[in-house]
Amino acid sequence: MRLTSSPYESPSLTLPPWVPPPGGLRTWGCGEHFDAVRLPATLAPPLIALLQAAGGHGPVLADPYSGSWHILLDPDSVRPGPWARHGIRLLRPGTRLTIPAAQVTAGTDLHWHTPPGAGYTHAELLNGALTAPSGLTSTPRRAAPRPRASR
């Protein structure tokens, strides 16, 4: 875990109460303070670019170890939608999600791609990015199994 300078040194920015102090980790159930969608790391940068172009996005966790990212949404705002497209999954209420300190913004462990503090991604905005004609158009493919060498 690598710490970087905090984006919260300004007195006008405050951390949400669910973010642990520097050096800490905290586990929360989805639906307590946020909802979340999990997506493959390969889809995260283009999807986040679409969200940014559409008006911004909230906190985003990156987990290089598992190859997945999590976009945090307003709690209790998610309705049925295109969440199962492109390998994206809505995390069920109560699904536990580990949250690092806000200063953890780089490294090979769980870290923030976009730290918390300025609200959440709105579910409608994410839905629009997923269904837009210029949105994500390809589904990642799994590698074909390698043939076994016969002996």
Protein backbone atom coordinates (compact mmCIF):
# COMPACT_ATOMS: atom_id res chain seq x y z
CA MET A 1 0.00 0.00 0.00
CA ARG A 2 1.50 3.33 -1.06
CA LEU A 3 0.36 6.61 0.43
CA THR A 4 0.29 9.78 -1.60
CA SER A 5 -0.37 13.34 -0.61
CA SER A 6 -3.92 13.77 0.55
CA PRO A 7 -6.45 15.61 -1.58
CA TYR A 8 -8.10 16.53 1.72
CA GLU A 9 -5.54 18.99 3.06
CA SER A 10 -7.93 21.80 2.19
CA PRO A 11 -10.23 22.58 5.14
CA SER A 12 -13.17 22.82 2.72
CA LEU A 13 -13.00 19.10 1.87
CA THR A 14 -14.12 16.58 4.43
CA LEU A 15 -14.11 12.84 4.26
CA PRO A 16 -17.29 10.82 4.50
CA PRO A 17 -17.60 9.05 7.88
CA TRP A 18 -17.19 5.63 6.24
CA VAL A 19 -13.60 6.34 5.13
CA PRO A 20 -11.02 5.01 7.64
CA PRO A 21 -8.23 7.18 9.05
CA PRO A 22 -4.77 7.19 7.41
CA GLY A 23 -3.21 3.74 7.46
CA GLY A 24 -6.52 2.00 8.15
CA LEU A 25 -8.92 -0.27 6.34
CA ARG A 26 -12.63 -0.60 7.00
CA THR A 27 -15.19 -3.07 5.68
CA TRP A 28 -18.76 -1.96 4.99
CA GLY A 29 -21.78 -3.73 3.61
CA CYS A 30 -23.18 -2.35 0.38
CA GLY A 31 -26.33 -0.40 1.13
CA GLU A 32 -25.00 1.00 4.42
CA HIS A 33 -23.24 4.09 3.04
CA PHE A 34 -23.04 3.34 -0.67
CA ASP A 35 -24.01 0.87 -3.36
CA ALA A 36 -21.34 -0.44 -5.70
CA VAL A 37 -20.83 -2.00 -9.09
CA ARG A 38 -17.84 -4.20 -9.83
CA LEU A 39 -16.28 -4.12 -13.28
CA PRO A 40 -13.26 -5.64 -14.98
CA ALA A 41 -10.16 -3.45 -14.79
CA THR A 42 -9.92 -3.44 -18.59
CA LEU A 43 -13.31 -1.69 -18.87
CA ALA A 44 -12.80 0.79 -16.06
CA PRO A 45 -10.77 3.54 -17.80
CA PRO A 46 -13.07 3.87 -20.85
CA LEU A 47 -16.19 3.74 -18.67
CA ILE A 48 -14.80 6.34 -16.27
CA ALA A 49 -13.93 8.55 -19.27
CA LEU A 50 -17.56 8.26 -20.46
CA LEU A 51 -18.83 9.15 -16.98
CA GLN A 52 -16.47 12.12 -16.77
CA ALA A 53 -17.64 13.39 -20.16
CA ALA A 54 -21.26 13.00 -19.01
CA GLY A 55 -20.81 15.13 -15.92
CA GLY A 56 -18.45 13.43 -13.53
CA HIS A 57 -18.23 10.45 -11.27
CA GLY A 58 -17.76 9.68 -7.61
CA PRO A 59 -15.34 7.41 -5.77
CA VAL A 60 -13.73 4.54 -7.66
CA LEU A 61 -11.70 1.74 -6.06
CA ALA A 62 -9.07 -0.15 -8.03
CA ASP A 63 -7.96 -3.64 -6.99
CA PRO A 64 -5.04 -4.73 -9.18
CA TYR A 65 -4.82 -8.07 -7.36
CA SER A 66 -8.32 -9.18 -8.36
CA GLY A 67 -8.36 -7.27 -11.65
CA SER A 68 -11.57 -5.47 -10.71
CA TRP A 69 -12.63 -1.93 -9.95
CA HIS A 70 -15.62 -0.70 -7.96
CA ILE A 71 -17.66 2.41 -8.70
CA LEU A 72 -19.50 3.68 -5.62
CA LEU A 73 -23.08 4.83 -6.14
CA ASP A 74 -25.63 6.71 -4.07
CA PRO A 75 -27.01 4.28 -1.48
CA ASP A 76 -30.45 2.88 -2.29
CA SER A 77 -30.46 4.55 -5.71
CA VAL A 78 -29.84 1.54 -7.91
CA ARG A 79 -32.72 0.16 -9.92
CA PRO A 80 -32.71 -2.76 -12.34
CA GLY A 81 -30.54 -1.85 -15.27
CA PRO A 82 -27.81 -3.06 -17.59
CA TRP A 83 -25.54 -4.08 -14.75
CA ALA A 84 -24.81 -7.56 -16.09
CA ARG A 85 -23.47 -6.23 -19.39
CA HIS A 86 -19.76 -6.32 -20.18
CA GLY A 87 -18.89 -8.27 -17.03
CA ILE A 88 -20.22 -5.51 -14.76
CA ARG A 89 -22.01 -6.68 -11.62
CA LEU A 90 -24.14 -4.80 -9.14
CA LEU A 91 -23.08 -5.86 -5.64
CA ARG A 92 -26.02 -7.08 -3.59
CA PRO A 93 -27.04 -5.28 -0.40
CA GLY A 94 -24.84 -6.50 2.43
CA THR A 95 -21.94 -7.52 0.17
CA ARG A 96 -18.83 -6.53 2.09
CA LEU A 97 -16.43 -4.08 0.45
CA THR A 98 -13.09 -3.12 1.97
CA ILE A 99 -12.37 0.60 1.99
CA PRO A 100 -8.80 1.95 2.30
CA ALA A 101 -7.82 5.32 3.73
CA ALA A 102 -8.36 8.23 1.33
CA GLN A 103 -4.62 8.79 0.95
CA VAL A 104 -4.07 5.36 -0.62
CA THR A 105 -4.23 6.35 -4.29
CA ALA A 106 -1.58 4.18 -5.95
CA GLY A 107 0.14 0.83 -5.68
CA THR A 108 -0.43 -2.82 -6.36
CA ASP A 109 -2.93 -3.31 -3.52
CA LEU A 110 -6.46 -1.97 -3.15
CA HIS A 111 -6.38 1.80 -3.69
CA TRP A 112 -8.50 4.72 -4.80
CA HIS A 113 -8.49 5.62 -8.49
CA THR A 114 -10.83 8.48 -7.55
CA PRO A 115 -10.83 9.23 -3.81
CA PRO A 116 -14.08 9.84 -1.94
CA GLY A 117 -15.26 13.26 -0.91
CA ALA A 118 -17.28 14.84 -3.71
CA GLY A 119 -20.38 12.66 -3.65
CA TYR A 120 -21.15 9.47 -5.53
CA THR A 121 -21.66 8.40 -9.11
CA HIS A 122 -25.37 8.63 -9.90
CA ALA A 123 -26.90 5.35 -11.05
CA GLU A 124 -28.71 7.12 -13.91
CA LEU A 125 -25.41 8.52 -15.18
CA LEU A 126 -23.82 5.07 -15.09
CA ASN A 127 -26.86 3.55 -16.79
CA GLY A 128 -26.60 6.19 -19.53
CA ALA A 129 -22.90 5.51 -20.06
CA LEU A 130 -23.56 1.78 -20.37
CA THR A 131 -26.41 2.16 -22.84
CA ALA A 132 -25.13 5.09 -24.93
CA PRO A 133 -24.47 4.26 -28.60
CA SER A 134 -20.94 5.60 -28.20
CA GLY A 135 -20.51 3.68 -24.96
CA LEU A 136 -18.88 0.35 -24.32
CA THR A 137 -19.41 -1.82 -27.34
CA SER A 138 -17.33 -4.88 -26.80
CA THR A 139 -17.56 -7.58 -24.22
CA PRO A 140 -14.20 -8.79 -22.96
CA ARG A 141 -13.52 -12.31 -24.10
CA ARG A 142 -11.94 -14.99 -22.05
CA ALA A 143 -8.85 -16.57 -23.43
CA ALA A 144 -9.49 -19.86 -25.16
CA PRO A 145 -8.22 -22.83 -23.18
CA ARG A 146 -4.89 -24.10 -24.34
CA PRO A 147 -4.93 -27.61 -25.74
CA ARG A 148 -3.27 -30.13 -23.50
CA ALA A 149 -0.20 -31.82 -24.76
CA SER A 150 -0.82 -35.53 -25.06
CA ARG A 151 1.67 -37.86 -23.47
